[in-house]
């Protein structure tokens, strides 16, 4: 089988990287198209490293990085040549998202050249519907207008569409997706990477950040308002004000200057720590007591899956496909705006939390890549 994945941004999406890696190891011919600009930060982005291995062919499209939108706009001539090549050489062209230029162009190419049967379109959510950005204010109505005027037309092009969770289906209907062609196929996870963790490495991390008897709150992700980085600082500060013995580790990179550091009061500089981008996420998961993800918009959040595989309780926003992962009070808490602090306190003070950790593994085992890959392969074959 010859398959090409179209990744819409410089930062390779984890599902694309891991699925490509699995299929390449099985002997399939796999390639990945993505925009490339030297100005876009990809340091410590593990998925980018993965597609450089295991005989995965890379098609970087020369692009110009526009920092206010954190997006690289592709060179249209290079994109045309690349698109023509991948459609000629592959059995399947699997496109992620419907609103990036790098995704829209091959969809239109497939329509104009009669290659629609080769195309699969995956989205992790519907902006303006499942995720409504608060800032800037014009973004949500703009996305709704784009969806109504143009994306509904794009949805008709691929032979099949997929999304990550059952929770996304009502939003798909509102966005105008032809539900007869929509399949729910989640992303997967390599469970073994988050188990059998070296205790020596965990102890080294504790020493690095001066962790002794404190409870540890962990955040992992891009440092943006959408991910709720500012909320993590606020919630942690409130808990410290109340006298809780905690440390918060905020793991991730910012696009440009990290403005969130300025939100941390001087007296809490040693308790609320920005670690920068890291690749030793499994070890961070092992030393933490709760994962906090107060984001405004998610698909099926990979960091929540990783926490569950690590036996780490989660507090996350009740949106996107998070309900497909977390049952309230079982694998953690899904909360609305304003309920994060209380949920974190509950988990940190729950004396029976160790007995509940088996729930996380029972749920997340359904998302192991061995199972999910079969569903993707069946999608390509049929």
Protein backbone atom coordinates (compact mmCIF):
# COMPACT_ATOMS: atom_id res chain seq x y z
CA UNK A 1 0.00 0.00 0.00
CA UNK A 2 1.25 3.48 -0.90
CA UNK A 3 -0.11 6.27 1.29
CA UNK A 4 0.72 9.93 1.70
CA UNK A 5 -0.24 11.98 4.75
CA UNK A 6 -0.71 15.72 4.41
CA UNK A 7 0.21 17.47 7.65
CA UNK A 8 -1.03 21.09 7.62
CA UNK A 9 1.59 22.71 9.88
CA UNK A 10 5.35 22.74 10.50
CA UNK A 11 4.82 20.78 13.69
CA UNK A 12 3.95 17.24 12.66
CA UNK A 13 0.83 15.93 14.36
CA UNK A 14 1.44 13.03 16.68
CA UNK A 15 -1.17 10.72 15.03
CA UNK A 16 0.39 11.28 11.60
CA UNK A 17 3.92 10.62 12.87
CA UNK A 18 3.03 7.48 14.82
CA UNK A 19 0.70 6.00 12.21
CA UNK A 20 3.30 6.65 9.51
CA UNK A 21 5.96 4.98 11.61
CA UNK A 22 3.83 1.88 12.23
CA UNK A 23 2.82 1.43 8.58
CA UNK A 24 6.38 2.01 7.33
CA UNK A 25 7.67 -0.68 9.67
CA UNK A 26 5.06 -3.04 8.23
CA UNK A 27 6.51 -2.47 4.77
CA UNK A 28 4.03 0.03 3.34
CA UNK A 29 5.34 2.99 1.34
CA UNK A 30 4.60 6.05 3.45
CA UNK A 31 5.24 9.72 2.79
CA UNK A 32 4.40 12.94 4.64
CA UNK A 33 3.84 16.40 3.14
CA UNK A 34 4.25 19.42 5.44
CA UNK A 35 5.12 23.13 5.22
CA UNK A 36 8.67 24.03 6.19
CA UNK A 37 9.98 27.37 7.31
CA UNK A 38 13.20 27.91 9.23
CA UNK A 39 11.47 30.66 11.22
CA UNK A 40 8.84 28.33 12.72
CA UNK A 41 10.00 26.74 15.99
CA UNK A 42 9.90 22.93 15.98
CA UNK A 43 12.57 22.30 18.64
CA UNK A 44 11.69 19.43 21.01
CA UNK A 45 8.72 18.44 18.85
CA UNK A 46 9.10 14.67 19.06
CA UNK A 47 6.79 13.91 16.13
CA UNK A 48 9.06 15.83 13.75
CA UNK A 49 11.93 13.55 14.71
CA UNK A 50 9.84 10.44 14.08
CA UNK A 51 9.09 11.08 10.42
CA UNK A 52 12.79 11.35 9.71
CA UNK A 53 13.19 7.65 10.46
CA UNK A 54 11.94 4.25 9.32
CA UNK A 55 12.07 4.97 5.57
CA UNK A 56 9.28 7.54 5.66
CA UNK A 57 9.59 9.86 2.66
CA UNK A 58 9.41 13.53 3.58
CA UNK A 59 8.01 16.21 1.26
CA UNK A 60 8.73 19.58 2.89
CA UNK A 61 6.99 22.44 1.07
CA UNK A 62 8.96 25.67 1.24
CA UNK A 63 6.86 28.18 3.17
CA UNK A 64 6.79 31.61 4.78
CA UNK A 65 6.13 31.73 8.52
CA UNK A 66 3.59 34.29 9.74
CA UNK A 67 4.08 34.51 13.51
CA UNK A 68 0.78 36.27 14.47
CA UNK A 69 -1.14 33.26 13.14
CA UNK A 70 1.64 30.79 14.01
CA UNK A 71 1.31 29.34 10.52
CA UNK A 72 3.57 28.83 7.51
CA UNK A 73 2.02 29.73 4.15
CA UNK A 74 3.25 27.36 1.43
CA UNK A 75 4.93 28.37 -1.79
CA UNK A 76 2.13 27.67 -4.28
CA UNK A 77 4.46 26.52 -7.08
CA UNK A 78 6.18 23.97 -4.83
CA UNK A 79 2.82 22.86 -3.44
CA UNK A 80 1.46 22.32 -6.97
CA UNK A 81 4.42 20.16 -7.97
CA UNK A 82 4.29 18.19 -4.73
CA UNK A 83 0.53 17.64 -4.94
CA UNK A 84 0.74 16.40 -8.53
CA UNK A 85 3.53 14.00 -7.55
CA UNK A 86 1.81 12.50 -4.50
CA UNK A 87 -1.47 11.90 -6.31
CA UNK A 88 0.37 10.21 -9.15
CA UNK A 89 2.45 7.94 -6.91
CA UNK A 90 0.07 6.97 -4.08
CA UNK A 91 -2.99 4.78 -3.61
CA UNK A 92 -4.34 6.99 -0.81
CA UNK A 93 -3.89 10.63 0.13
CA UNK A 94 -4.89 11.21 3.75
CA UNK A 95 -5.38 14.90 4.53
CA UNK A 96 -5.57 16.38 8.02
CA UNK A 97 -7.91 19.37 8.50
CA UNK A 98 -10.02 21.39 6.10
CA UNK A 99 -9.06 25.02 6.73
CA UNK A 100 -5.28 25.22 6.20
CA UNK A 101 -3.97 26.19 2.73
CA UNK A 102 -1.82 23.05 2.62
CA UNK A 103 -4.96 20.94 3.13
CA UNK A 104 -7.40 22.82 0.92
CA UNK A 105 -5.18 22.81 -2.17
CA UNK A 106 -4.95 18.98 -2.56
CA UNK A 107 -8.68 18.67 -1.89
CA UNK A 108 -9.40 20.98 -4.81
CA UNK A 109 -6.76 19.22 -6.93
CA UNK A 110 -8.49 15.88 -6.29
CA UNK A 111 -11.80 17.35 -7.41
CA UNK A 112 -10.42 18.91 -10.58
CA UNK A 113 -8.38 15.84 -11.62
CA UNK A 114 -10.93 13.15 -10.78
CA UNK A 115 -8.92 11.70 -7.90
CA UNK A 116 -11.58 12.03 -5.20
CA UNK A 117 -11.61 8.29 -4.46
CA UNK A 118 -8.01 8.49 -3.26
CA UNK A 119 -8.78 11.13 -0.63
CA UNK A 120 -9.55 10.74 3.07
CA UNK A 121 -10.07 13.85 5.18
CA UNK A 122 -9.58 13.81 8.96
CA UNK A 123 -10.43 16.59 11.39
CA UNK A 124 -10.06 16.66 15.16
CA UNK A 125 -12.79 19.28 15.54
CA UNK A 126 -14.93 21.97 13.93
CA UNK A 127 -13.78 25.48 14.73
CA UNK A 128 -16.72 27.74 15.47
CA UNK A 129 -18.78 24.74 16.61
CA UNK A 130 -16.91 22.28 18.83
CA UNK A 131 -14.33 24.96 19.58
CA UNK A 132 -15.25 28.63 19.77
CA UNK A 133 -12.18 30.84 20.22
CA UNK A 134 -12.74 33.76 22.57
CA UNK A 135 -9.95 35.91 21.15
CA UNK A 136 -9.88 37.57 18.76
CA UNK A 137 -13.65 38.02 18.82
CA UNK A 138 -14.01 37.87 15.05
CA UNK A 139 -12.47 34.39 14.76
CA UNK A 140 -15.53 32.30 15.68
CA UNK A 141 -17.95 34.09 13.31
CA UNK A 142 -15.27 34.07 10.62
CA UNK A 143 -14.84 30.29 10.89
CA UNK A 144 -18.59 29.76 10.87
CA UNK A 145 -18.86 31.84 7.71
CA UNK A 146 -15.97 29.92 6.12
CA UNK A 147 -17.63 26.63 7.03
CA UNK A 148 -21.03 27.62 5.67
CA UNK A 149 -19.75 29.21 2.45
CA UNK A 150 -16.82 26.97 1.56
CA UNK A 151 -15.98 24.08 3.91
CA UNK A 152 -19.38 22.43 3.34
CA UNK A 153 -18.35 22.17 -0.29
CA UNK A 154 -14.95 20.71 0.67
CA UNK A 155 -16.61 18.08 2.87
CA UNK A 156 -18.23 16.60 -0.23
CA UNK A 157 -14.92 15.97 -2.02
CA UNK A 158 -13.23 13.07 -0.14
CA UNK A 159 -14.59 9.55 -0.33
CA UNK A 160 -14.44 9.35 3.48
CA UNK A 161 -14.07 11.69 6.43
CA UNK A 162 -12.98 10.75 9.93
CA UNK A 163 -13.02 12.41 13.32
CA UNK A 164 -11.58 11.30 16.65
CA UNK A 165 -14.59 10.76 18.92
CA UNK A 166 -18.32 10.21 19.26
CA UNK A 167 -18.57 13.51 21.12
CA UNK A 168 -17.74 15.31 17.86
CA UNK A 169 -20.72 13.98 15.87
CA UNK A 170 -23.30 16.63 16.88
CA UNK A 171 -20.85 19.37 15.89
CA UNK A 172 -20.15 17.63 12.58
CA UNK A 173 -23.84 17.74 11.81
CA UNK A 174 -24.04 21.45 12.62
CA UNK A 175 -21.01 22.11 10.42
CA UNK A 176 -22.70 20.41 7.47
CA UNK A 177 -20.63 17.24 7.18
CA UNK A 178 -22.39 14.49 5.16
CA UNK A 179 -22.76 12.06 8.06
CA UNK A 180 -23.01 9.03 5.77
CA UNK A 181 -19.33 9.42 4.89
CA UNK A 182 -18.09 10.26 8.41
CA UNK A 183 -16.30 7.59 10.49
CA UNK A 184 -15.17 7.83 14.10
CA UNK A 185 -11.58 6.59 14.37
CA UNK A 186 -9.55 7.91 17.30
CA UNK A 187 -5.84 8.41 17.41
CA UNK A 188 -3.80 5.74 19.18
CA UNK A 189 -1.14 5.53 21.85
CA UNK A 190 1.93 3.40 22.51
CA UNK A 191 1.13 2.21 26.03
CA UNK A 192 4.60 0.75 26.62
CA UNK A 193 6.23 4.19 26.36
CA UNK A 194 4.44 5.32 29.50
CA UNK A 195 4.96 2.22 31.59
CA UNK A 196 8.08 0.56 33.02
CA UNK A 197 9.62 4.00 33.54
CA UNK A 198 13.10 4.22 35.05
CA UNK A 199 12.78 5.32 38.67
CA UNK A 200 16.35 6.60 38.48
CA UNK A 201 15.32 9.05 35.75
CA UNK A 202 12.28 10.12 37.76
CA UNK A 203 14.44 10.77 40.81
CA UNK A 204 16.81 12.79 38.63
CA UNK A 205 13.90 14.96 37.52
CA UNK A 206 12.82 15.50 41.11
CA UNK A 207 16.34 16.61 41.96
CA UNK A 208 16.44 18.91 38.92
CA UNK A 209 13.33 20.79 40.02
CA UNK A 210 13.84 20.54 43.79
CA UNK A 211 10.82 18.32 44.41
CA UNK A 212 10.73 16.76 47.87
CA UNK A 213 7.40 16.13 49.57
CA UNK A 214 5.27 18.47 47.43
CA UNK A 215 2.31 17.35 45.36
CA UNK A 216 3.05 18.00 41.68
CA UNK A 217 0.64 19.56 39.18
CA UNK A 218 1.71 19.01 35.57
CA UNK A 219 0.85 20.85 32.38
CA UNK A 220 2.17 19.67 29.01
CA UNK A 221 1.55 21.51 25.76
CA UNK A 222 2.20 24.60 23.69
CA UNK A 223 2.31 27.71 25.86
CA UNK A 224 -0.75 29.53 24.52
CA UNK A 225 -3.95 31.00 25.88
CA UNK A 226 -5.90 28.40 23.91
CA UNK A 227 -4.15 25.67 25.87
CA UNK A 228 -4.91 27.53 29.10
CA UNK A 229 -1.34 28.21 30.22
CA UNK A 230 -2.44 31.41 31.96
CA UNK A 231 -5.12 29.46 33.84
CA UNK A 232 -2.55 26.94 35.06
CA UNK A 233 -0.55 29.79 36.61
CA UNK A 234 -3.67 31.34 38.17
CA UNK A 235 -4.98 28.07 39.62
CA UNK A 236 -1.57 27.11 40.99
CA UNK A 237 -1.17 30.54 42.58
CA UNK A 238 -4.57 30.24 44.24
CA UNK A 239 -3.72 26.83 45.68
CA UNK A 240 -0.41 28.16 47.00
CA UNK A 241 -2.24 31.15 48.52
CA UNK A 242 -4.41 28.63 50.36
CA UNK A 243 -1.32 26.99 51.82
CA UNK A 244 -1.23 23.81 49.73
CA UNK A 245 2.18 22.16 49.49
CA UNK A 246 2.46 21.94 45.71
CA UNK A 247 4.77 22.53 42.79
CA UNK A 248 3.54 23.09 39.26
CA UNK A 249 5.65 22.07 36.29
CA UNK A 250 4.67 23.74 33.01
CA UNK A 251 6.25 21.77 30.16
CA UNK A 252 6.31 23.20 26.66
CA UNK A 253 7.57 25.89 24.34
CA UNK A 254 6.07 29.22 23.39
CA UNK A 255 6.02 30.70 19.91
CA UNK A 256 8.48 33.50 20.60
CA UNK A 257 8.79 35.08 24.05
CA UNK A 258 7.14 33.27 26.96
CA UNK A 259 4.81 35.96 28.26
CA UNK A 260 3.26 33.65 30.83
CA UNK A 261 6.30 33.80 33.10
CA UNK A 262 5.30 37.36 33.94
CA UNK A 263 2.08 36.07 35.52
CA UNK A 264 3.97 34.23 38.26
CA UNK A 265 4.39 36.24 41.46
CA UNK A 266 7.99 36.58 42.61
CA UNK A 267 7.25 34.65 45.81
CA UNK A 268 6.13 31.63 43.76
CA UNK A 269 8.99 31.51 41.22
CA UNK A 270 10.29 28.29 42.80
CA UNK A 271 6.84 26.65 43.01
CA UNK A 272 5.51 27.42 39.50
CA UNK A 273 8.25 26.35 37.12
CA UNK A 274 8.47 26.64 33.34
CA UNK A 275 10.66 23.75 32.20
CA UNK A 276 10.79 24.63 28.50
CA UNK A 277 10.23 22.00 25.84
CA UNK A 278 11.16 18.48 26.94
CA UNK A 279 11.27 15.01 25.41
CA UNK A 280 11.16 13.06 28.70
CA UNK A 281 7.38 13.37 29.05
CA UNK A 282 6.83 9.81 30.40
CA UNK A 283 9.11 10.61 33.35
CA UNK A 284 7.25 13.86 34.04
CA UNK A 285 3.98 11.91 33.99
CA UNK A 286 5.38 9.44 36.50
CA UNK A 287 6.48 12.02 39.05
CA UNK A 288 3.29 14.13 38.85
CA UNK A 289 0.13 13.77 40.95
CA UNK A 290 -2.36 15.37 38.56
CA UNK A 291 -2.38 16.58 34.95
CA UNK A 292 -4.13 19.92 34.46
CA UNK A 293 -5.33 20.82 30.94
CA UNK A 294 -7.66 23.87 31.10
CA UNK A 295 -7.66 24.38 27.33
CA UNK A 296 -10.31 26.14 25.26
CA UNK A 297 -10.19 23.72 22.34
CA UNK A 298 -9.08 20.12 21.82
CA UNK A 299 -9.76 17.21 19.55
CA UNK A 300 -8.83 13.99 21.32
CA UNK A 301 -6.07 15.36 23.55
CA UNK A 302 -2.97 13.19 23.27
CA UNK A 303 -1.56 14.47 26.55
CA UNK A 304 -4.66 13.16 28.38
CA UNK A 305 -4.17 9.78 26.73
CA UNK A 306 -0.53 9.78 27.85
CA UNK A 307 -1.55 10.65 31.40
CA UNK A 308 -4.07 7.81 31.49
CA UNK A 309 -1.43 5.38 30.20
CA UNK A 310 0.81 6.60 33.03
CA UNK A 311 -1.88 6.16 35.69
CA UNK A 312 -2.00 9.92 36.21
CA UNK A 313 -5.35 11.54 37.19
CA UNK A 314 -6.57 14.30 34.89
CA UNK A 315 -8.46 17.57 35.22
CA UNK A 316 -9.44 18.82 31.76
CA UNK A 317 -11.98 21.07 30.13
CA UNK A 318 -15.27 19.39 29.25
CA UNK A 319 -15.12 19.92 25.49
CA UNK A 320 -13.97 18.34 22.24
CA UNK A 321 -13.54 14.57 22.46
CA UNK A 322 -12.44 14.63 26.11
CA UNK A 323 -15.74 12.89 27.08
CA UNK A 324 -14.58 9.91 24.96
CA UNK A 325 -11.65 9.55 27.38
CA UNK A 326 -12.76 10.72 30.82
CA UNK A 327 -15.80 9.68 32.82
CA UNK A 328 -16.25 12.21 35.60
CA UNK A 329 -14.91 10.96 38.92
CA UNK A 330 -13.47 7.82 37.33
CA UNK A 331 -10.43 8.76 35.22
CA UNK A 332 -10.41 12.30 36.58
CA UNK A 333 -12.69 15.29 36.12
CA UNK A 334 -14.12 17.11 33.13
CA UNK A 335 -14.98 20.61 34.22
CA UNK A 336 -16.48 23.79 32.85
CA UNK A 337 -14.88 27.20 33.19
CA UNK A 338 -14.14 28.02 36.83
CA UNK A 339 -14.22 24.51 38.25
CA UNK A 340 -10.57 23.55 37.79
CA UNK A 341 -9.23 24.48 41.23
CA UNK A 342 -11.80 22.45 43.15
CA UNK A 343 -11.27 19.41 40.91
CA UNK A 344 -7.48 19.58 41.35
CA UNK A 345 -7.92 19.83 45.12
CA UNK A 346 -10.20 16.78 45.13
CA UNK A 347 -7.64 14.67 43.31
CA UNK A 348 -4.69 15.84 45.37
CA UNK A 349 -6.57 15.10 48.60
CA UNK A 350 -8.13 11.78 47.49
CA UNK A 351 -6.63 9.10 49.72
CA UNK A 352 -8.05 6.34 47.54
CA UNK A 353 -6.52 7.60 44.32
CA UNK A 354 -4.10 4.68 43.97
CA UNK A 355 -6.99 2.21 43.85
CA UNK A 356 -8.61 4.18 41.01
CA UNK A 357 -5.60 4.16 38.71
CA UNK A 358 -6.59 0.78 37.27
CA UNK A 359 -9.60 2.58 35.74
CA UNK A 360 -7.31 4.67 33.57
CA UNK A 361 -5.56 1.66 32.10
CA UNK A 362 -8.84 -0.20 31.53
CA UNK A 363 -10.11 2.75 29.48
CA UNK A 364 -6.95 3.67 27.58
CA UNK A 365 -6.18 0.10 26.48
CA UNK A 366 -8.98 0.55 23.95
CA UNK A 367 -6.85 3.21 22.27
CA UNK A 368 -3.63 1.25 21.85
CA UNK A 369 -2.12 1.60 18.39
CA UNK A 370 -2.28 -2.14 17.73
CA UNK A 371 -6.08 -1.82 17.69
CA UNK A 372 -6.40 1.61 16.10
CA UNK A 373 -4.01 0.86 13.22
CA UNK A 374 -6.25 -2.00 12.09
CA UNK A 375 -9.16 0.42 11.84
CA UNK A 376 -7.16 2.82 9.68
CA UNK A 377 -5.97 0.01 7.42
CA UNK A 378 -9.54 -1.22 6.99
CA UNK A 379 -10.47 2.33 6.05
CA UNK A 380 -7.83 2.39 3.32
CA UNK A 381 -8.69 -1.06 1.99
CA UNK A 382 -12.43 -0.38 1.83
